[in-house]
Amino acid sequence: MKPDRIRFGKTRWWHRLLGRGTRWEQTGLAMALLLSASLLAWLAWHLQELEQQRERLQLALDQARAPVTRPAPRPLGLVIPAEALRQMDAVTARLNVPWSDVLDVIERSATPKVALLALEPDARAGSINLTAEARSLEDLLAYAEALGQDTAVASVDLGQHDLRAQEPGQPVRMTLSISPTPFRQ
């Protein structure tokens, strides 16, 4: 027969740790220790995962804050020769003349006595050269004066004139240079 132990008083908790408790107490204590150890292991693993995630987010934030370096733009494969550029500038200067105002002035000043033969812009001088023909020099001078009185024309300069004695009716041909007022914006 087994000897019975008589316990006088309460068993202290450290007695149970050292194996002096009942079998149920020892099993419960072992289960509690096992559960505590597994919970600590899970917490350690979870903290490690959170730390790795924080490092990834910090790296992404650093990359987002870094100055953006864009590659230098690649030059176009198109190279325009200098002569072609000069020609384009000349055409652009011709197109920058206030054509509608000038043509309105020429139309308002038209008379049946004067025939307009040529109209050519001079981009360098900023003017428009006209070649007109009439039966008399007085008709051409009156036409030039009518052009000069319009507000769209800054000045009218008389060029050369010449009498066409060999042509029928002996017309007089004159060149005029009209400087239009600049564009009104």
Protein backbone atom coordinates (compact mmCIF):
# COMPACT_ATOMS: atom_id res chain seq x y z
CA MET A 1 0.00 0.00 0.00
CA LYS A 2 1.02 3.52 -0.75
CA PRO A 3 1.62 5.93 1.99
CA ASP A 4 -0.72 8.89 2.01
CA ARG A 5 0.67 12.28 2.51
CA ILE A 6 -1.09 14.52 4.80
CA ARG A 7 -1.03 18.15 3.85
CA PHE A 8 -1.49 20.72 6.49
CA GLY A 9 -2.09 23.99 4.81
CA LYS A 10 -2.02 25.33 1.35
CA THR A 11 0.53 24.31 -1.20
CA ARG A 12 2.55 27.13 -2.51
CA TRP A 13 2.74 27.74 -6.30
CA TRP A 14 6.43 27.00 -6.43
CA HIS A 15 5.74 23.60 -4.99
CA ARG A 16 3.58 22.85 -7.98
CA LEU A 17 6.38 23.98 -10.25
CA LEU A 18 8.79 21.63 -8.58
CA GLY A 19 6.40 18.73 -8.97
CA ARG A 20 4.93 18.55 -5.51
CA GLY A 21 1.32 19.13 -6.70
CA THR A 22 -1.32 16.68 -7.86
CA ARG A 23 -1.22 15.16 -11.29
CA TRP A 24 -4.01 17.49 -12.51
CA GLU A 25 -2.17 20.50 -11.19
CA GLN A 26 1.05 19.39 -12.87
CA THR A 27 -0.73 18.74 -16.20
CA GLY A 28 -2.53 22.10 -16.07
CA LEU A 29 0.71 23.87 -15.27
CA ALA A 30 2.51 22.13 -18.18
CA MET A 31 -0.33 23.10 -20.55
CA ALA A 32 -0.21 26.72 -19.36
CA LEU A 33 3.58 26.80 -19.88
CA LEU A 34 3.21 25.29 -23.35
CA LEU A 35 0.47 27.75 -24.30
CA SER A 36 2.53 30.68 -22.99
CA ALA A 37 5.61 29.56 -24.92
CA SER A 38 3.62 29.18 -28.16
CA LEU A 39 2.00 32.61 -27.66
CA LEU A 40 5.42 34.20 -27.15
CA ALA A 41 6.76 32.47 -30.27
CA TRP A 42 3.78 33.73 -32.32
CA LEU A 43 4.27 37.29 -30.99
CA ALA A 44 7.97 37.20 -31.86
CA TRP A 45 7.19 35.98 -35.39
CA HIS A 46 4.48 38.64 -35.81
CA LEU A 47 6.81 41.41 -34.60
CA GLN A 48 9.44 40.26 -37.11
CA GLU A 49 6.85 40.39 -39.95
CA LEU A 50 5.77 43.89 -38.88
CA GLU A 51 9.40 45.05 -38.82
CA GLN A 52 9.98 43.72 -42.35
CA GLN A 53 6.81 45.44 -43.56
CA ARG A 54 7.93 48.72 -41.93
CA GLU A 55 11.30 48.45 -43.71
CA ARG A 56 9.59 47.87 -47.08
CA LEU A 57 7.31 50.88 -46.55
CA GLN A 58 10.25 53.05 -45.47
CA LEU A 59 12.15 52.07 -48.62
CA ALA A 60 9.12 52.90 -50.79
CA LEU A 61 8.75 56.25 -49.02
CA ASP A 62 12.44 57.07 -49.53
CA GLN A 63 12.11 56.23 -53.22
CA ALA A 64 9.01 58.40 -53.52
CA ARG A 65 10.78 61.34 -51.87
CA ALA A 66 13.91 61.01 -54.01
CA PRO A 67 14.23 63.65 -56.74
CA VAL A 68 13.04 62.45 -60.10
CA THR A 69 15.75 62.38 -62.73
CA ARG A 70 14.39 62.44 -66.22
CA PRO A 71 16.53 61.46 -69.14
CA ALA A 72 17.64 64.26 -71.39
CA PRO A 73 15.34 64.67 -74.38
CA ARG A 74 16.65 62.97 -77.45
CA PRO A 75 17.25 65.31 -80.36
CA LEU A 76 14.98 64.85 -83.29
CA GLY A 77 16.50 63.20 -86.31
CA LEU A 78 15.43 66.19 -88.41
CA VAL A 79 18.16 68.73 -89.20
CA ILE A 80 17.07 71.83 -91.10
CA PRO A 81 19.77 73.59 -93.14
CA ALA A 82 20.43 77.26 -92.43
CA GLU A 83 19.30 78.34 -95.89
CA ALA A 84 15.95 76.62 -95.45
CA LEU A 85 15.53 78.34 -92.08
CA ARG A 86 16.18 81.74 -93.68
CA GLN A 87 13.58 81.00 -96.35
CA MET A 88 11.05 79.96 -93.69
CA ASP A 89 11.70 83.19 -91.78
CA ALA A 90 11.13 85.21 -94.95
CA VAL A 91 7.81 83.47 -95.61
CA THR A 92 6.75 83.97 -91.99
CA ALA A 93 7.61 87.67 -92.18
CA ARG A 94 5.48 87.96 -95.34
CA LEU A 95 2.57 86.28 -93.61
CA ASN A 96 2.81 88.63 -90.63
CA VAL A 97 1.63 91.58 -92.73
CA PRO A 98 -1.92 92.65 -91.80
CA TRP A 99 -3.24 91.56 -95.17
CA SER A 100 -6.92 92.10 -94.55
CA ASP A 101 -6.37 95.75 -93.54
CA VAL A 102 -4.08 96.43 -96.51
CA LEU A 103 -6.41 94.79 -99.00
CA ASP A 104 -9.34 96.75 -97.57
CA VAL A 105 -7.41 100.00 -98.04
CA ILE A 106 -6.50 99.09 -101.62
CA GLU A 107 -10.11 98.14 -102.35
CA ARG A 108 -11.52 101.36 -100.82
CA SER A 109 -9.02 103.48 -102.76
CA ALA A 110 -9.61 101.78 -106.12
CA THR A 111 -10.65 103.98 -109.03
CA PRO A 112 -11.55 103.00 -112.60
CA LYS A 113 -8.68 105.19 -113.85
CA VAL A 114 -5.92 103.17 -112.09
CA ALA A 115 -5.09 99.51 -112.75
CA LEU A 116 -3.23 97.57 -110.08
CA LEU A 117 -0.62 95.32 -111.75
CA ALA A 118 1.35 93.82 -108.85
CA LEU A 119 1.23 93.54 -105.10
CA GLU A 120 4.36 92.23 -103.33
CA PRO A 121 5.25 92.30 -99.63
CA ASP A 122 8.76 93.38 -98.63
CA ALA A 123 9.42 91.70 -95.28
CA ARG A 124 12.75 93.43 -94.65
CA ALA A 125 11.31 96.90 -95.10
CA GLY A 126 7.97 95.95 -93.51
CA SER A 127 6.10 97.36 -96.46
CA ILE A 128 4.05 96.33 -99.48
CA ASN A 129 5.15 97.29 -102.96
CA LEU A 130 2.45 98.12 -105.50
CA THR A 131 2.81 98.53 -109.22
CA ALA A 132 -0.02 100.58 -110.70
CA GLU A 133 -0.76 101.89 -114.17
CA ALA A 134 -2.94 104.78 -115.37
CA ARG A 135 -3.35 107.03 -118.42
CA SER A 136 -1.89 110.03 -116.59
CA LEU A 137 0.54 110.75 -113.79
CA GLU A 138 -2.11 112.88 -112.02
CA ASP A 139 -4.41 109.84 -111.69
CA LEU A 140 -1.56 107.83 -110.11
CA LEU A 141 -0.72 110.66 -107.69
CA ALA A 142 -4.39 110.97 -106.66
CA TYR A 143 -4.48 107.22 -106.06
CA ALA A 144 -1.32 107.40 -103.90
CA GLU A 145 -2.81 110.31 -101.92
CA ALA A 146 -6.05 108.35 -101.30
CA LEU A 147 -4.00 105.38 -100.03
CA GLY A 148 -2.00 107.62 -97.65
CA GLN A 149 -5.09 109.16 -96.04
CA ASP A 150 -6.42 105.82 -94.73
CA THR A 151 -5.79 105.02 -91.04
CA ALA A 152 -4.57 101.47 -91.83
CA VAL A 153 -1.61 102.93 -93.77
CA ALA A 154 1.29 104.51 -91.91
CA SER A 155 2.96 105.95 -95.02
CA VAL A 156 2.99 105.80 -98.82
CA ASP A 157 6.30 106.31 -100.60
CA LEU A 158 6.41 107.00 -104.31
CA GLY A 159 8.90 104.94 -106.25
CA GLN A 160 9.92 105.29 -109.83
CA HIS A 161 7.50 105.99 -112.61
CA ASP A 162 7.82 105.62 -116.29
CA LEU A 163 5.91 106.54 -119.41
CA ARG A 164 5.23 103.61 -121.76
CA ALA A 165 5.36 105.54 -125.00
CA GLN A 166 5.54 102.43 -127.19
CA GLU A 167 2.39 100.84 -125.78
CA PRO A 168 -1.08 101.81 -127.02
CA GLY A 169 -2.56 104.70 -125.02
CA GLN A 170 0.88 105.51 -123.59
CA PRO A 171 0.16 104.54 -119.99
CA VAL A 172 2.19 105.68 -117.02
CA ARG A 173 3.45 102.96 -114.66
CA MET A 174 4.47 103.75 -111.08
CA THR A 175 5.70 101.77 -108.07
CA LEU A 176 4.40 102.64 -104.62
CA SER A 177 5.58 101.40 -101.23
CA ILE A 178 2.90 101.18 -98.53
CA SER A 179 3.87 100.83 -94.88
CA PRO A 180 0.87 99.47 -93.00
CA THR A 181 0.18 100.29 -89.39
CA PRO A 182 1.21 97.42 -87.11
CA PHE A 183 -1.26 94.73 -86.11
CA ARG A 184 -3.94 95.88 -83.70
CA GLN A 185 -4.46 93.28 -80.99
